[in-house]
Structure formats: C-alpha cells, structure tokens
Amino acid sequence: MATLDEIAQEKQRISERIARLDAERTKLGDQLNELEIAERVLRRYGGKADTTEGRRGRPARTAPAAGRQRSARGGQQHLPARL
C-alpha cells in the first residue's frame, strides 16, 4: 500500500503535468486564432489584385445610363421636377 508521502508526490507530479498541458493548450489556442485570422485575410486579399473572381455584389457600370445627367456637385442626378 502506498504511503501518504508517495501519494503526495504523485499528486504533485500530476498537478505539474496538468499545468504544463494547460499552458500548451493556451499556446496552441493562440496559434490557432492567428492562423484563422491569416486565413481570413488571405481569403479576402490573397488573390491577384486585378481579378474579380469571388466578389459579391453588383458588377461595375461601364457607362452612365442614357437620359440622366450628373451635376458637378456630389454626383447628384438632374431629374424632372414632379408636379
């Protein structure tokens, strides 16, 4: 049968191992967070700058719509006044 001293030593050894594992888990969690951030950045900006693959939203207009004029102030459109 184990003595109290042996039990205390084993408990101390296990506590130290748990502390080391907890520190390693924290370190690995931080590394994982950094990798996830890098992955998001690469997904967003990693392609060629001149390609539009994977973009969402409206395509850019190549020419202004016919019948509409833009003013020099703020790009506002001149539309006929309503009565």
PDB file of N, CA and C in Angstrom:
ATOM      1  N   MET A   1       0.848  -1.174   0.000  1.00  0.00           N
ATOM      2  CA  MET A   1       0.000   0.000   0.000  1.00  0.00           C
ATOM      3  C   MET A   1       0.894   1.238   0.000  1.00  0.00           C
ATOM      4  N   ALA A   2       0.469   2.250  -0.768  1.00  0.00           N
ATOM      5  CA  ALA A   2       1.267   3.463  -0.903  1.00  0.00           C
ATOM      6  C   ALA A   2       1.187   4.292   0.363  1.00  0.00           C
ATOM      7  N   THR A   3       2.275   4.911   0.683  1.00  0.00           N
ATOM      8  CA  THR A   3       2.306   5.769   1.860  1.00  0.00           C
ATOM      9  C   THR A   3       1.757   7.145   1.503  1.00  0.00           C
ATOM     10  N   LEU A   4       1.502   7.920   2.512  1.00  0.00           N
ATOM     11  CA  LEU A   4       0.980   9.271   2.296  1.00  0.00           C
ATOM     12  C   LEU A   4       1.981  10.133   1.529  1.00  0.00           C
ATOM     13  N   ASP A   5       3.261   9.903   1.787  1.00  0.00           N
ATOM     14  CA  ASP A   5       4.298  10.667   1.099  1.00  0.00           C
ATOM     15  C   ASP A   5       4.306  10.351  -0.397  1.00  0.00           C
ATOM     16  N   GLU A   6       4.160   9.074  -0.757  1.00  0.00           N
ATOM     17  CA  GLU A   6       4.113   8.676  -2.164  1.00  0.00           C
ATOM     18  C   GLU A   6       2.879   9.251  -2.862  1.00  0.00           C
ATOM     19  N   ILE A   7       1.775   9.257  -2.169  1.00  0.00           N
ATOM     20  CA  ILE A   7       0.543   9.801  -2.728  1.00  0.00           C
ATOM     21  C   ILE A   7       0.693  11.309  -2.961  1.00  0.00           C
ATOM     22  N   ALA A   8       1.304  12.000  -2.038  1.00  0.00           N
ATOM     23  CA  ALA A   8       1.511  13.440  -2.181  1.00  0.00           C
ATOM     24  C   ALA A   8       2.447  13.734  -3.354  1.00  0.00           C
ATOM     25  N   GLN A   9       3.498  12.916  -3.501  1.00  0.00           N
ATOM     26  CA  GLN A   9       4.418  13.110  -4.621  1.00  0.00           C
ATOM     27  C   GLN A   9       3.710  12.880  -5.966  1.00  0.00           C
ATOM     28  N   GLU A  10       2.911  11.836  -6.035  1.00  0.00           N
ATOM     29  CA  GLU A  10       2.163  11.544  -7.264  1.00  0.00           C
ATOM     30  C   GLU A  10       1.172  12.660  -7.578  1.00  0.00           C
ATOM     31  N   LYS A  11       0.509  13.151  -6.560  1.00  0.00           N
ATOM     32  CA  LYS A  11      -0.431  14.268  -6.740  1.00  0.00           C
ATOM     33  C   LYS A  11       0.298  15.501  -7.258  1.00  0.00           C
ATOM     34  N   GLN A  12       1.486  15.790  -6.714  1.00  0.00           N
ATOM     35  CA  GLN A  12       2.285  16.929  -7.166  1.00  0.00           C
ATOM     36  C   GLN A  12       2.711  16.751  -8.616  1.00  0.00           C
ATOM     37  N   ARG A  13       3.150  15.545  -8.971  1.00  0.00           N
ATOM     38  CA  ARG A  13       3.583  15.261 -10.341  1.00  0.00           C
ATOM     39  C   ARG A  13       2.423  15.448 -11.324  1.00  0.00           C
ATOM     40  N   ILE A  14       1.262  14.966 -10.968  1.00  0.00           N
ATOM     41  CA  ILE A  14       0.088  15.095 -11.835  1.00  0.00           C
ATOM     42  C   ILE A  14      -0.329  16.561 -11.950  1.00  0.00           C
ATOM     43  N   SER A  15      -0.271  17.311 -10.865  1.00  0.00           N
ATOM     44  CA  SER A  15      -0.620  18.735 -10.897  1.00  0.00           C
ATOM     45  C   SER A  15       0.316  19.519 -11.812  1.00  0.00           C
ATOM     46  N   GLU A  16       1.617  19.200 -11.755  1.00  0.00           N
ATOM     47  CA  GLU A  16       2.584  19.864 -12.630  1.00  0.00           C
ATOM     48  C   GLU A  16       2.317  19.532 -14.093  1.00  0.00           C
ATOM     49  N   ARG A  17       1.993  18.274 -14.357  1.00  0.00           N
ATOM     50  CA  ARG A  17       1.692  17.853 -15.734  1.00  0.00           C
ATOM     51  C   ARG A  17       0.448  18.571 -16.248  1.00  0.00           C
ATOM     52  N   ILE A  18      -0.555  18.694 -15.429  1.00  0.00           N
ATOM     53  CA  ILE A  18      -1.785  19.402 -15.815  1.00  0.00           C
ATOM     54  C   ILE A  18      -1.488  20.871 -16.115  1.00  0.00           C
ATOM     55  N   ALA A  19      -0.630  21.487 -15.309  1.00  0.00           N
ATOM     56  CA  ALA A  19      -0.270  22.885 -15.541  1.00  0.00           C
ATOM     57  C   ALA A  19       0.464  23.046 -16.871  1.00  0.00           C
ATOM     58  N   ARG A  20       1.384  22.099 -17.179  1.00  0.00           N
ATOM     59  CA  ARG A  20       2.103  22.162 -18.459  1.00  0.00           C
ATOM     60  C   ARG A  20       1.141  21.964 -19.632  1.00  0.00           C
ATOM     61  N   LEU A  21       0.227  21.034 -19.507  1.00  0.00           N
ATOM     62  CA  LEU A  21      -0.753  20.795 -20.571  1.00  0.00           C
ATOM     63  C   LEU A  21      -1.668  22.004 -20.771  1.00  0.00           C
ATOM     64  N   ASP A  22      -2.044  22.633 -19.683  1.00  0.00           N
ATOM     65  CA  ASP A  22      -2.901  23.817 -19.777  1.00  0.00           C
ATOM     66  C   ASP A  22      -2.170  24.965 -20.480  1.00  0.00           C
ATOM     67  N   ALA A  23      -0.890  25.140 -20.159  1.00  0.00           N
ATOM     68  CA  ALA A  23      -0.093  26.183 -20.818  1.00  0.00           C
ATOM     69  C   ALA A  23       0.055  25.875 -22.305  1.00  0.00           C
ATOM     70  N   GLU A  24       0.278  24.621 -22.642  1.00  0.00           N
ATOM     71  CA  GLU A  24       0.411  24.231 -24.048  1.00  0.00           C
ATOM     72  C   GLU A  24      -0.915  24.433 -24.784  1.00  0.00           C
ATOM     73  N   ARG A  25      -2.021  24.095 -24.141  1.00  0.00           N
ATOM     74  CA  ARG A  25      -3.342  24.289 -24.741  1.00  0.00           C
ATOM     75  C   ARG A  25      -3.592  25.760 -25.034  1.00  0.00           C
ATOM     76  N   THR A  26      -3.218  26.628 -24.096  1.00  0.00           N
ATOM     77  CA  THR A  26      -3.381  28.069 -24.290  1.00  0.00           C
ATOM     78  C   THR A  26      -2.534  28.550 -25.465  1.00  0.00           C
ATOM     79  N   LYS A  27      -1.292  28.088 -25.529  1.00  0.00           N
ATOM     80  CA  LYS A  27      -0.392  28.468 -26.623  1.00  0.00           C
ATOM     81  C   LYS A  27      -0.948  28.002 -27.967  1.00  0.00           C
ATOM     82  N   LEU A  28      -1.415  26.762 -28.033  1.00  0.00           N
ATOM     83  CA  LEU A  28      -1.965  26.238 -29.277  1.00  0.00           C
ATOM     84  C   LEU A  28      -3.251  26.971 -29.673  1.00  0.00           C
ATOM     85  N   GLY A  29      -4.048  27.344 -28.687  1.00  0.00           N
ATOM     86  CA  GLY A  29      -5.256  28.113 -28.975  1.00  0.00           C
ATOM     87  C   GLY A  29      -4.929  29.472 -29.571  1.00  0.00           C
ATOM     88  N   ASP A  30      -3.902  30.130 -29.044  1.00  0.00           N
ATOM     89  CA  ASP A  30      -3.460  31.414 -29.595  1.00  0.00           C
ATOM     90  C   ASP A  30      -2.955  31.252 -31.028  1.00  0.00           C
ATOM     91  N   GLN A  31      -2.186  30.190 -31.277  1.00  0.00           N
ATOM     92  CA  GLN A  31      -1.685  29.943 -32.631  1.00  0.00           C
ATOM     93  C   GLN A  31      -2.837  29.672 -33.595  1.00  0.00           C
ATOM     94  N   LEU A  32      -3.824  28.922 -33.138  1.00  0.00           N
ATOM     95  CA  LEU A  32      -4.982  28.640 -33.976  1.00  0.00           C
ATOM     96  C   LEU A  32      -5.727  29.919 -34.323  1.00  0.00           C
ATOM     97  N   ASN A  33      -5.897  30.808 -33.353  1.00  0.00           N
ATOM     98  CA  ASN A  33      -6.557  32.083 -33.621  1.00  0.00           C
ATOM     99  C   ASN A  33      -5.788  32.887 -34.657  1.00  0.00           C
ATOM    100  N   GLU A  34      -4.460  32.931 -34.540  1.00  0.00           N
ATOM    101  CA  GLU A  34      -3.643  33.660 -35.514  1.00  0.00           C
ATOM    102  C   GLU A  34      -3.768  33.052 -36.902  1.00  0.00           C
ATOM    103  N   LEU A  35      -3.788  31.724 -36.989  1.00  0.00           N
ATOM    104  CA  LEU A  35      -3.936  31.068 -38.285  1.00  0.00           C
ATOM    105  C   LEU A  35      -5.305  31.341 -38.896  1.00  0.00           C
ATOM    106  N   GLU A  36      -6.354  31.369 -38.079  1.00  0.00           N
ATOM    107  CA  GLU A  36      -7.691  31.668 -38.593  1.00  0.00           C
ATOM    108  C   GLU A  36      -7.765  33.098 -39.117  1.00  0.00           C
ATOM    109  N   ILE A  37      -7.110  34.019 -38.416  1.00  0.00           N
ATOM    110  CA  ILE A  37      -7.080  35.414 -38.881  1.00  0.00           C
ATOM    111  C   ILE A  37      -6.329  35.497 -40.204  1.00  0.00           C
ATOM    112  N   ALA A  38      -5.182  34.837 -40.287  1.00  0.00           N
ATOM    113  CA  ALA A  38      -4.403  34.854 -41.525  1.00  0.00           C
ATOM    114  C   ALA A  38      -5.191  34.231 -42.674  1.00  0.00           C
ATOM    115  N   GLU A  39      -5.936  33.177 -42.388  1.00  0.00           N
ATOM    116  CA  GLU A  39      -6.741  32.529 -43.415  1.00  0.00           C
ATOM    117  C   GLU A  39      -7.821  33.477 -43.939  1.00  0.00           C
ATOM    118  N   ARG A  40      -8.477  34.208 -43.031  1.00  0.00           N
ATOM    119  CA  ARG A  40      -9.496  35.173 -43.465  1.00  0.00           C
ATOM    120  C   ARG A  40      -8.886  36.276 -44.313  1.00  0.00           C
ATOM    121  N   VAL A  41      -7.704  36.769 -43.911  1.00  0.00           N
ATOM    122  CA  VAL A  41      -7.037  37.828 -44.679  1.00  0.00           C
ATOM    123  C   VAL A  41      -6.664  37.313 -46.059  1.00  0.00           C
ATOM    124  N   LEU A  42      -6.090  36.121 -46.133  1.00  0.00           N
ATOM    125  CA  LEU A  42      -5.713  35.564 -47.425  1.00  0.00           C
ATOM    126  C   LEU A  42      -6.926  35.306 -48.306  1.00  0.00           C
ATOM    127  N   ARG A  43      -8.004  34.851 -47.705  1.00  0.00           N
ATOM    128  CA  ARG A  43      -9.215  34.612 -48.469  1.00  0.00           C
ATOM    129  C   ARG A  43      -9.745  35.922 -49.044  1.00  0.00           C
ATOM    130  N   ARG A  44      -9.595  36.987 -48.288  1.00  0.00           N
ATOM    131  CA  ARG A  44     -10.134  38.279 -48.713  1.00  0.00           C
ATOM    132  C   ARG A  44      -9.203  39.003 -49.673  1.00  0.00           C
ATOM    133  N   TYR A  45      -7.903  39.005 -49.398  1.00  0.00           N
ATOM    134  CA  TYR A  45      -6.956  39.802 -50.175  1.00  0.00           C
ATOM    135  C   TYR A  45      -5.893  38.976 -50.881  1.00  0.00           C
ATOM    136  N   GLY A  46      -5.934  37.692 -50.775  1.00  0.00           N
ATOM    137  CA  GLY A  46      -4.837  36.872 -51.255  1.00  0.00           C
ATOM    138  C   GLY A  46      -4.736  36.696 -52.751  1.00  0.00           C
ATOM    139  N   GLY A  47      -5.830  36.909 -53.497  1.00  0.00           N
ATOM    140  CA  GLY A  47      -5.783  36.699 -54.938  1.00  0.00           C
ATOM    141  C   GLY A  47      -5.089  37.836 -55.647  1.00  0.00           C
ATOM    142  N   LYS A  48      -5.063  37.747 -56.979  1.00  0.00           N
ATOM    143  CA  LYS A  48      -4.490  38.823 -57.776  1.00  0.00           C
ATOM    144  C   LYS A  48      -5.348  40.061 -57.612  1.00  0.00           C
ATOM    145  N   ALA A  49      -4.714  41.213 -57.624  1.00  0.00           N
ATOM    146  CA  ALA A  49      -5.426  42.464 -57.388  1.00  0.00           C
ATOM    147  C   ALA A  49      -6.366  42.809 -58.529  1.00  0.00           C
ATOM    148  N   ASP A  50      -6.091  42.351 -59.760  1.00  0.00           N
ATOM    149  CA  ASP A  50      -6.908  42.752 -60.887  1.00  0.00           C
ATOM    150  C   ASP A  50      -8.031  41.776 -61.203  1.00  0.00           C
ATOM    151  N   THR A  51      -8.162  40.701 -60.492  1.00  0.00           N
ATOM    152  CA  THR A  51      -9.247  39.759 -60.758  1.00  0.00           C
ATOM    153  C   THR A  51     -10.458  40.108 -59.918  1.00  0.00           C
ATOM    154  N   THR A  52     -11.607  39.683 -60.402  1.00  0.00           N
ATOM    155  CA  THR A  52     -12.856  39.924 -59.675  1.00  0.00           C
ATOM    156  C   THR A  52     -13.527  38.611 -59.307  1.00  0.00           C
ATOM    157  N   GLU A  53     -12.809  37.505 -59.411  1.00  0.00           N
ATOM    158  CA  GLU A  53     -13.384  36.223 -59.057  1.00  0.00           C
ATOM    159  C   GLU A  53     -13.725  36.184 -57.572  1.00  0.00           C
ATOM    160  N   GLY A  54     -14.900  35.673 -57.290  1.00  0.00           N
ATOM    161  CA  GLY A  54     -15.298  35.529 -55.905  1.00  0.00           C
ATOM    162  C   GLY A  54     -15.884  36.776 -55.283  1.00  0.00           C
ATOM    163  N   ARG A  55     -15.913  37.880 -56.025  1.00  0.00           N
ATOM    164  CA  ARG A  55     -16.505  39.083 -55.455  1.00  0.00           C
ATOM    165  C   ARG A  55     -18.009  38.974 -55.479  1.00  0.00           C
ATOM    166  N   ARG A  56     -18.618  39.587 -54.514  1.00  0.00           N
ATOM    167  CA  ARG A  56     -20.071  39.619 -54.437  1.00  0.00           C
ATOM    168  C   ARG A  56     -20.547  41.025 -54.714  1.00  0.00           C
ATOM    169  N   GLY A  57     -21.804  41.150 -55.050  1.00  0.00           N
ATOM    170  CA  GLY A  57     -22.355  42.479 -55.265  1.00  0.00           C
ATOM    171  C   GLY A  57     -22.590  42.758 -56.727  1.00  0.00           C
ATOM    172  N   ARG A  58     -22.923  43.992 -57.025  1.00  0.00           N
ATOM    173  CA  ARG A  58     -23.237  44.401 -58.384  1.00  0.00           C
ATOM    174  C   ARG A  58     -21.973  44.534 -59.208  1.00  0.00           C
ATOM    175  N   PRO A  59     -22.085  44.205 -60.504  1.00  0.00           N
ATOM    176  CA  PRO A  59     -20.955  44.486 -61.382  1.00  0.00           C
ATOM    177  C   PRO A  59     -20.861  45.992 -61.633  1.00  0.00           C
ATOM    178  N   ALA A  60     -19.674  46.481 -61.901  1.00  0.00           N
ATOM    179  CA  ALA A  60     -19.481  47.906 -62.133  1.00  0.00           C
ATOM    180  C   ALA A  60     -20.120  48.301 -63.457  1.00  0.00           C
ATOM    181  N   ARG A  61     -20.689  49.514 -63.486  1.00  0.00           N
ATOM    182  CA  ARG A  61     -21.269  50.047 -64.718  1.00  0.00           C
ATOM    183  C   ARG A  61     -20.158  50.602 -65.590  1.00  0.00           C
ATOM    184  N   THR A  62     -20.293  50.372 -66.897  1.00  0.00           N
ATOM    185  CA  THR A  62     -19.267  50.868 -67.802  1.00  0.00           C
ATOM    186  C   THR A  62     -19.600  52.243 -68.341  1.00  0.00           C
ATOM    187  N   ALA A  63     -20.886  52.594 -68.433  1.00  0.00           N
ATOM    188  CA  ALA A  63     -21.277  53.906 -68.943  1.00  0.00           C
ATOM    189  C   ALA A  63     -22.505  54.371 -68.168  1.00  0.00           C
ATOM    190  N   PRO A  64     -22.675  55.682 -67.982  1.00  0.00           N
ATOM    191  CA  PRO A  64     -23.867  56.157 -67.291  1.00  0.00           C
ATOM    192  C   PRO A  64     -25.118  55.875 -68.112  1.00  0.00           C
ATOM    193  N   ALA A  65     -26.230  55.720 -67.434  1.00  0.00           N
ATOM    194  CA  ALA A  65     -27.496  55.429 -68.098  1.00  0.00           C
ATOM    195  C   ALA A  65     -27.908  56.589 -68.990  1.00  0.00           C
ATOM    196  N   ALA A  66     -28.536  56.290 -70.119  1.00  0.00           N
ATOM    197  CA  ALA A  66     -28.957  57.330 -71.066  1.00  0.00           C
ATOM    198  C   ALA A  66     -30.066  58.168 -70.458  1.00  0.00           C
ATOM    199  N   GLY A  67     -30.058  59.485 -70.781  1.00  0.00           N
ATOM    200  CA  GLY A  67     -31.115  60.376 -70.325  1.00  0.00           C
ATOM    201  C   GLY A  67     -30.879  60.969 -68.955  1.00  0.00           C
ATOM    202  N   ARG A  68     -29.837  60.589 -68.298  1.00  0.00           N
ATOM    203  CA  ARG A  68     -29.547  61.126 -66.968  1.00  0.00           C
ATOM    204  C   ARG A  68     -28.264  61.928 -67.040  1.00  0.00           C
ATOM    205  N   GLN A  69     -28.248  63.062 -66.408  1.00  0.00           N
ATOM    206  CA  GLN A  69     -27.046  63.885 -66.362  1.00  0.00           C
ATOM    207  C   GLN A  69     -26.625  64.021 -64.916  1.00  0.00           C
ATOM    208  N   ARG A  70     -25.348  64.065 -64.693  1.00  0.00           N
ATOM    209  CA  ARG A  70     -24.840  64.239 -63.330  1.00  0.00           C
ATOM    210  C   ARG A  70     -24.338  65.656 -63.173  1.00  0.00           C
ATOM    211  N   SER A  71     -24.626  66.229 -62.020  1.00  0.00           N
ATOM    212  CA  SER A  71     -24.146  67.585 -61.768  1.00  0.00           C
ATOM    213  C   SER A  71     -22.719  67.542 -61.253  1.00  0.00           C
ATOM    214  N   ALA A  72     -22.079  68.687 -61.202  1.00  0.00           N
ATOM    215  CA  ALA A  72     -20.708  68.773 -60.704  1.00  0.00           C
ATOM    216  C   ALA A  72     -20.667  68.636 -59.190  1.00  0.00           C
ATOM    217  N   ARG A  73     -21.784  68.880 -58.517  1.00  0.00           N
ATOM    218  CA  ARG A  73     -21.819  68.797 -57.054  1.00  0.00           C
ATOM    219  C   ARG A  73     -22.314  67.431 -56.607  1.00  0.00           C
ATOM    220  N   GLY A  74     -21.475  66.687 -55.963  1.00  0.00           N
ATOM    221  CA  GLY A  74     -21.872  65.461 -55.276  1.00  0.00           C
ATOM    222  C   GLY A  74     -22.404  64.352 -56.150  1.00  0.00           C
ATOM    223  N   GLY A  75     -22.329  64.481 -57.451  1.00  0.00           N
ATOM    224  CA  GLY A  75     -22.794  63.411 -58.307  1.00  0.00           C
ATOM    225  C   GLY A  75     -24.293  63.244 -58.294  1.00  0.00           C
ATOM    226  N   GLN A  76     -25.057  64.272 -57.944  1.00  0.00           N
ATOM    227  CA  GLN A  76     -26.500  64.170 -57.905  1.00  0.00           C
ATOM    228  C   GLN A  76     -27.050  64.179 -59.318  1.00  0.00           C
ATOM    229  N   GLN A  77     -28.170  63.513 -59.513  1.00  0.00           N
ATOM    230  CA  GLN A  77     -28.782  63.435 -60.830  1.00  0.00           C
ATOM    231  C   GLN A  77     -29.814  64.532 -60.977  1.00  0.00           C
ATOM    232  N   HIS A  78     -29.940  65.053 -62.212  1.00  0.00           N
ATOM    233  CA  HIS A  78     -30.968  66.046 -62.529  1.00  0.00           C
ATOM    234  C   HIS A  78     -32.165  65.281 -63.066  1.00  0.00           C
ATOM    235  N   LEU A  79     -33.236  65.294 -62.346  1.00  0.00           N
ATOM    236  CA  LEU A  79     -34.455  64.648 -62.777  1.00  0.00           C
ATOM    237  C   LEU A  79     -35.533  65.707 -62.912  1.00  0.00           C
ATOM    238  N   PRO A  80     -36.518  65.484 -63.797  1.00  0.00           N
ATOM    239  CA  PRO A  80     -37.586  66.478 -63.926  1.00  0.00           C
ATOM    240  C   PRO A  80     -38.358  66.606 -62.619  1.00  0.00           C
ATOM    241  N   ALA A  81     -38.750  67.823 -62.313  1.00  0.00           N
ATOM    242  CA  ALA A  81     -39.499  68.065 -61.074  1.00  0.00           C
ATOM    243  C   ALA A  81     -40.903  67.495 -61.200  1.00  0.00           C
ATOM    244  N   ARG A  82     -41.401  66.962 -60.119  1.00  0.00           N
ATOM    245  CA  ARG A  82     -42.759  66.424 -60.101  1.00  0.00           C
ATOM    246  C   ARG A  82     -43.743  67.513 -59.761  1.00  0.00           C
ATOM    247  N   LEU A  83     -44.880  67.469 -60.343  1.00  0.00           N
ATOM    248  CA  LEU A  83     -45.930  68.464 -60.085  1.00  0.00           C
ATOM    249  C   LEU A  83     -46.905  67.980 -59.057  1.00  0.00           C
TER     250      LEU A  83
END
